[in-house]
């Protein structure tokens, strides 16, 4: 199986590294279309000759074409590669907001997979939600899911609207986590810890909390109840969250991200 990755930013490199490290695809079977061809032989072993800055007839030779460019660059990309694509190829998009219908119209292709990964894919801990056009059969979906799972975990959805929702939840989600962590670190510093101590306290708290939540079949509300004893310190903090309508703020923020994902696709 031969794969073409169009765009070699964070996501393009992540997929190349994950495919190769998992031994799912050989380095020599991965080709990359970039804006410029000033690439040395990459650390993962992709030959320099497999990098190109010019779209050509060889694009039709690939089984899977991965669109790993920014959504605002899609129109220019589509114009450059459309004439070289065929209906037998699977087009695998990681562009936020660009719908299956738009990709099909712009590229005149019918086998399309649209996905929303997140940044932890870079360390094999990613979360990807994906959907596909009706012309992608079960075998092809299985192949695509295996490729995706080299970067973490995945969920297939039939309703394409959930891709935009996933953009707002798991796609943007790491930034929300980092924001909350940074706020806790600042609180720790304000209470007297130095920066390194504060980071250790918060980082390990997040890691431990996720680990224990994954180890038992308890809901988040049940875990909150276990930590927040009546009249205790945790309850005092939770009361501030409730008073400031923190839950509503988070929900509104996620909905704003979803609205923006929809705007990008129009």
Protein backbone atom coordinates (compact mmCIF):
# COMPACT_ATOMS: atom_id res chain seq x y z
CA UNK A 1 0.00 0.00 0.00
CA UNK A 2 1.34 3.39 -1.04
CA UNK A 3 0.37 6.58 0.78
CA UNK A 4 0.70 10.21 -0.26
CA UNK A 5 0.69 12.80 2.51
CA UNK A 6 -0.09 16.31 1.29
CA UNK A 7 1.27 18.77 3.82
CA UNK A 8 4.10 18.01 6.21
CA UNK A 9 3.30 20.07 9.28
CA UNK A 10 2.52 18.56 12.67
CA UNK A 11 -0.19 16.19 11.44
CA UNK A 12 1.62 15.13 8.28
CA UNK A 13 4.75 14.25 10.24
CA UNK A 14 2.72 12.56 12.96
CA UNK A 15 1.04 10.21 10.51
CA UNK A 16 4.31 9.42 8.75
CA UNK A 17 6.06 8.65 12.03
CA UNK A 18 3.14 6.60 13.39
CA UNK A 19 2.69 4.51 10.23
CA UNK A 20 6.39 3.71 10.13
CA UNK A 21 6.98 3.09 13.85
CA UNK A 22 4.00 0.73 13.94
CA UNK A 23 5.40 -1.01 10.83
CA UNK A 24 2.05 -0.59 9.15
CA UNK A 25 3.64 1.08 6.13
CA UNK A 26 7.27 0.99 4.97
CA UNK A 27 9.15 4.31 4.78
CA UNK A 28 9.73 3.87 1.05
CA UNK A 29 5.97 3.57 0.49
CA UNK A 30 5.24 6.98 2.01
CA UNK A 31 5.45 9.98 -0.28
CA UNK A 32 5.01 13.63 0.69
CA UNK A 33 3.82 16.63 -1.28
CA UNK A 34 5.15 19.83 0.31
CA UNK A 35 5.35 23.53 -0.49
CA UNK A 36 9.09 23.29 -1.03
CA UNK A 37 11.39 20.33 -1.52
CA UNK A 38 14.21 21.42 0.78
CA UNK A 39 14.02 18.24 2.81
CA UNK A 40 16.93 16.07 3.87
CA UNK A 41 16.40 12.37 4.46
CA UNK A 42 13.99 12.35 7.39
CA UNK A 43 14.67 10.64 10.71
CA UNK A 44 11.98 8.07 10.04
CA UNK A 45 13.71 6.90 6.89
CA UNK A 46 11.52 8.37 4.15
CA UNK A 47 13.89 8.85 1.19
CA UNK A 48 14.54 12.39 0.06
CA UNK A 49 13.33 11.40 -3.41
CA UNK A 50 9.87 10.73 -1.92
CA UNK A 51 9.40 14.43 -1.20
CA UNK A 52 8.11 16.69 -3.94
CA UNK A 53 6.93 20.28 -4.20
CA UNK A 54 5.10 19.76 -7.48
CA UNK A 55 1.86 17.87 -8.13
CA UNK A 56 2.05 15.49 -11.08
CA UNK A 57 0.69 12.35 -12.71
CA UNK A 58 2.30 10.12 -10.09
CA UNK A 59 -0.42 11.21 -7.63
CA UNK A 60 -2.77 8.74 -9.30
CA UNK A 61 -0.49 5.85 -8.23
CA UNK A 62 -1.28 6.12 -4.52
CA UNK A 63 -3.87 4.03 -2.69
CA UNK A 64 -4.51 6.64 0.00
CA UNK A 65 -4.09 10.41 -0.25
CA UNK A 66 -3.98 12.21 3.10
CA UNK A 67 -4.96 15.88 3.11
CA UNK A 68 -2.99 17.34 6.03
CA UNK A 69 -3.10 21.02 5.08
CA UNK A 70 -4.82 23.91 6.81
CA UNK A 71 -8.48 24.28 5.78
CA UNK A 72 -7.87 27.78 4.42
CA UNK A 73 -5.34 26.29 1.98
CA UNK A 74 -7.72 23.66 0.59
CA UNK A 75 -9.01 25.61 -2.41
CA UNK A 76 -5.49 26.18 -3.73
CA UNK A 77 -4.58 22.56 -3.06
CA UNK A 78 -7.69 21.24 -4.80
CA UNK A 79 -6.88 23.24 -7.92
CA UNK A 80 -3.35 21.81 -7.97
CA UNK A 81 -4.18 18.11 -7.52
CA UNK A 82 -7.72 17.58 -8.82
CA UNK A 83 -6.77 16.51 -12.32
CA UNK A 84 -4.39 13.82 -11.03
CA UNK A 85 -6.77 12.04 -8.63
CA UNK A 86 -8.88 8.99 -9.47
CA UNK A 87 -12.11 7.51 -8.10
CA UNK A 88 -10.32 4.38 -6.87
CA UNK A 89 -8.23 6.34 -4.36
CA UNK A 90 -9.25 6.95 -0.77
CA UNK A 91 -9.03 10.63 0.16
CA UNK A 92 -8.35 10.93 3.89
CA UNK A 93 -8.84 14.45 5.26
CA UNK A 94 -7.75 15.88 8.62
CA UNK A 95 -8.88 19.41 7.74
CA UNK A 96 -11.21 21.05 10.26
CA UNK A 97 -14.55 22.21 8.91
CA UNK A 98 -14.20 20.99 5.32
CA UNK A 99 -17.16 18.69 4.64
CA UNK A 100 -17.34 15.47 2.66
CA UNK A 101 -19.54 17.22 0.09
CA UNK A 102 -17.05 20.07 -0.34
CA UNK A 103 -14.13 17.69 -0.76
CA UNK A 104 -16.08 15.59 -3.27
CA UNK A 105 -17.07 18.67 -5.27
CA UNK A 106 -13.62 20.24 -5.25
CA UNK A 107 -11.69 17.05 -6.04
CA UNK A 108 -14.27 15.09 -8.07
CA UNK A 109 -13.59 12.02 -5.94
CA UNK A 110 -16.14 9.78 -4.25
CA UNK A 111 -14.17 7.73 -1.68
CA UNK A 112 -13.59 10.21 1.11
CA UNK A 113 -12.85 9.86 4.81
CA UNK A 114 -13.08 12.93 7.01
CA UNK A 115 -11.46 12.91 10.43
CA UNK A 116 -10.72 15.08 13.43
CA UNK A 117 -7.57 14.09 15.34
CA UNK A 118 -6.02 15.97 18.24
CA UNK A 119 -2.50 16.92 19.27
CA UNK A 120 -1.78 13.87 21.50
CA UNK A 121 -1.64 11.85 18.28
CA UNK A 122 1.98 13.03 18.23
CA UNK A 123 2.78 10.65 21.10
CA UNK A 124 0.39 7.84 20.18
CA UNK A 125 -2.24 8.98 22.69
CA UNK A 126 -4.54 10.76 20.30
CA UNK A 127 -8.31 10.73 19.93
CA UNK A 128 -9.69 10.76 16.39
CA UNK A 129 -13.32 10.85 15.29
CA UNK A 130 -13.96 9.98 11.65
CA UNK A 131 -16.70 9.46 9.11
CA UNK A 132 -16.81 8.45 5.46
CA UNK A 133 -18.73 8.85 2.22
CA UNK A 134 -21.03 6.01 1.18
CA UNK A 135 -18.60 4.79 -1.49
CA UNK A 136 -16.00 3.78 1.09
CA UNK A 137 -16.62 0.08 1.77
CA UNK A 138 -16.12 -1.85 5.02
CA UNK A 139 -12.72 -3.20 4.08
CA UNK A 140 -11.48 0.28 3.24
CA UNK A 141 -12.88 1.67 6.49
CA UNK A 142 -11.08 -1.07 8.39
CA UNK A 143 -7.79 -0.15 6.71
CA UNK A 144 -8.28 3.54 7.48
CA UNK A 145 -9.17 2.83 11.12
CA UNK A 146 -6.04 0.71 11.50
CA UNK A 147 -3.99 3.60 10.14
CA UNK A 148 -5.67 6.05 12.51
CA UNK A 149 -5.18 3.74 15.49
CA UNK A 150 -1.41 3.92 15.08
CA UNK A 151 -1.82 7.40 16.63
CA UNK A 152 -4.12 6.45 19.53
CA UNK A 153 -7.83 5.65 19.63
CA UNK A 154 -10.67 6.36 17.23
CA UNK A 155 -14.45 6.48 16.96
CA UNK A 156 -16.37 6.09 13.70
CA UNK A 157 -19.57 8.11 13.35
CA UNK A 158 -22.17 7.98 10.59
CA UNK A 159 -23.46 11.49 11.30
CA UNK A 160 -20.97 13.91 9.75
CA UNK A 161 -22.15 16.75 11.99
CA UNK A 162 -20.44 14.98 14.88
CA UNK A 163 -17.07 15.69 13.24
CA UNK A 164 -17.55 19.40 13.93
CA UNK A 165 -18.65 18.53 17.46
CA UNK A 166 -15.51 16.41 17.86
CA UNK A 167 -13.45 19.39 16.68
CA UNK A 168 -14.86 21.36 19.60
CA UNK A 169 -14.48 18.53 22.13
CA UNK A 170 -11.45 16.34 21.48
CA UNK A 171 -9.79 18.46 18.80
CA UNK A 172 -9.66 21.67 20.82
CA UNK A 173 -9.98 19.85 24.14
CA UNK A 174 -6.27 19.63 25.01
CA UNK A 175 -6.10 23.44 25.04
CA UNK A 176 -8.95 23.52 27.57
CA UNK A 177 -7.07 21.06 29.77
CA UNK A 178 -3.85 23.08 29.51
CA UNK A 179 -5.79 26.25 30.37
CA UNK A 180 -7.22 24.67 33.51
CA UNK A 181 -3.82 23.25 34.45
CA UNK A 182 -2.15 26.63 34.05
CA UNK A 183 -4.81 28.24 36.24
CA UNK A 184 -4.16 25.66 38.97
CA UNK A 185 -0.40 26.18 38.65
CA UNK A 186 -0.89 29.93 39.12
CA UNK A 187 -3.05 29.28 42.20
CA UNK A 188 -0.34 27.03 43.63
CA UNK A 189 2.28 29.73 43.09
CA UNK A 190 0.00 32.29 44.73
CA UNK A 191 -0.26 29.97 47.74
CA UNK A 192 3.52 29.79 48.14
CA UNK A 193 4.87 26.99 45.95
CA UNK A 194 7.64 27.77 43.48
CA UNK A 195 7.00 27.29 39.75
CA UNK A 196 8.56 23.83 39.44
CA UNK A 197 6.80 22.57 42.55
CA UNK A 198 3.49 23.94 41.31
CA UNK A 199 3.90 22.26 37.91
CA UNK A 200 4.72 18.92 39.53
CA UNK A 201 1.70 19.15 41.83
CA UNK A 202 -0.70 19.93 39.02
CA UNK A 203 0.76 17.63 36.35
CA UNK A 204 0.80 14.60 38.62
CA UNK A 205 -2.70 15.41 39.88
CA UNK A 206 -4.04 15.40 36.33
CA UNK A 207 -2.17 12.25 35.36
CA UNK A 208 -3.25 10.41 38.50
CA UNK A 209 -6.86 11.54 38.22
CA UNK A 210 -7.19 10.31 34.63
CA UNK A 211 -5.45 7.04 35.49
CA UNK A 212 -7.70 6.24 38.45
CA UNK A 213 -10.81 7.31 36.53
CA UNK A 214 -9.85 4.81 33.82
CA UNK A 215 -9.18 2.06 36.37
CA UNK A 216 -12.65 1.84 37.85
CA UNK A 217 -16.19 1.95 36.44
CA UNK A 218 -17.28 5.00 38.40
CA UNK A 219 -18.81 8.12 36.89
CA UNK A 220 -17.18 11.53 37.21
CA UNK A 221 -19.91 12.57 39.63
CA UNK A 222 -19.13 9.55 41.81
CA UNK A 223 -15.45 10.43 41.83
CA UNK A 224 -16.27 14.03 42.76
CA UNK A 225 -18.35 12.74 45.68
CA UNK A 226 -15.46 10.53 46.84
CA UNK A 227 -13.07 13.50 46.93
CA UNK A 228 -15.48 16.15 48.21
CA UNK A 229 -16.35 15.26 51.78
CA UNK A 230 -19.21 17.25 53.29
CA UNK A 231 -18.05 20.56 54.74
CA UNK A 232 -14.50 20.01 53.49
CA UNK A 233 -12.03 21.92 51.36
CA UNK A 234 -13.06 20.41 48.01
CA UNK A 235 -16.68 21.30 48.63
CA UNK A 236 -15.65 24.92 49.18
CA UNK A 237 -13.93 24.99 45.79
CA UNK A 238 -16.87 23.33 44.06
CA UNK A 239 -19.23 25.92 45.51
CA UNK A 240 -17.17 28.66 43.84
CA UNK A 241 -17.38 26.77 40.55
CA UNK A 242 -21.15 26.60 40.91
CA UNK A 243 -21.48 30.23 41.95
CA UNK A 244 -19.44 31.37 38.96
CA UNK A 245 -21.38 29.04 36.63
CA UNK A 246 -18.16 27.37 35.52
CA UNK A 247 -19.96 24.41 33.94
CA UNK A 248 -22.09 26.73 31.81
CA UNK A 249 -19.01 28.71 30.81
CA UNK A 250 -17.26 25.53 29.65
CA UNK A 251 -20.33 24.36 27.73
CA UNK A 252 -20.68 27.78 26.08
CA UNK A 253 -16.99 27.79 25.15
CA UNK A 254 -17.22 24.35 23.52
CA UNK A 255 -20.30 25.46 21.59
CA UNK A 256 -18.39 28.53 20.38
CA UNK A 257 -15.63 26.22 19.10
CA UNK A 258 -18.26 24.12 17.34
CA UNK A 259 -19.75 27.24 15.71
CA UNK A 260 -16.32 28.22 14.44
CA UNK A 261 -15.75 24.73 13.02
CA UNK A 262 -19.00 25.10 11.09
CA UNK A 263 -17.93 28.53 9.82
CA UNK A 264 -14.65 27.11 8.49
CA UNK A 265 -16.61 24.71 6.33
CA UNK A 266 -18.72 27.35 4.62
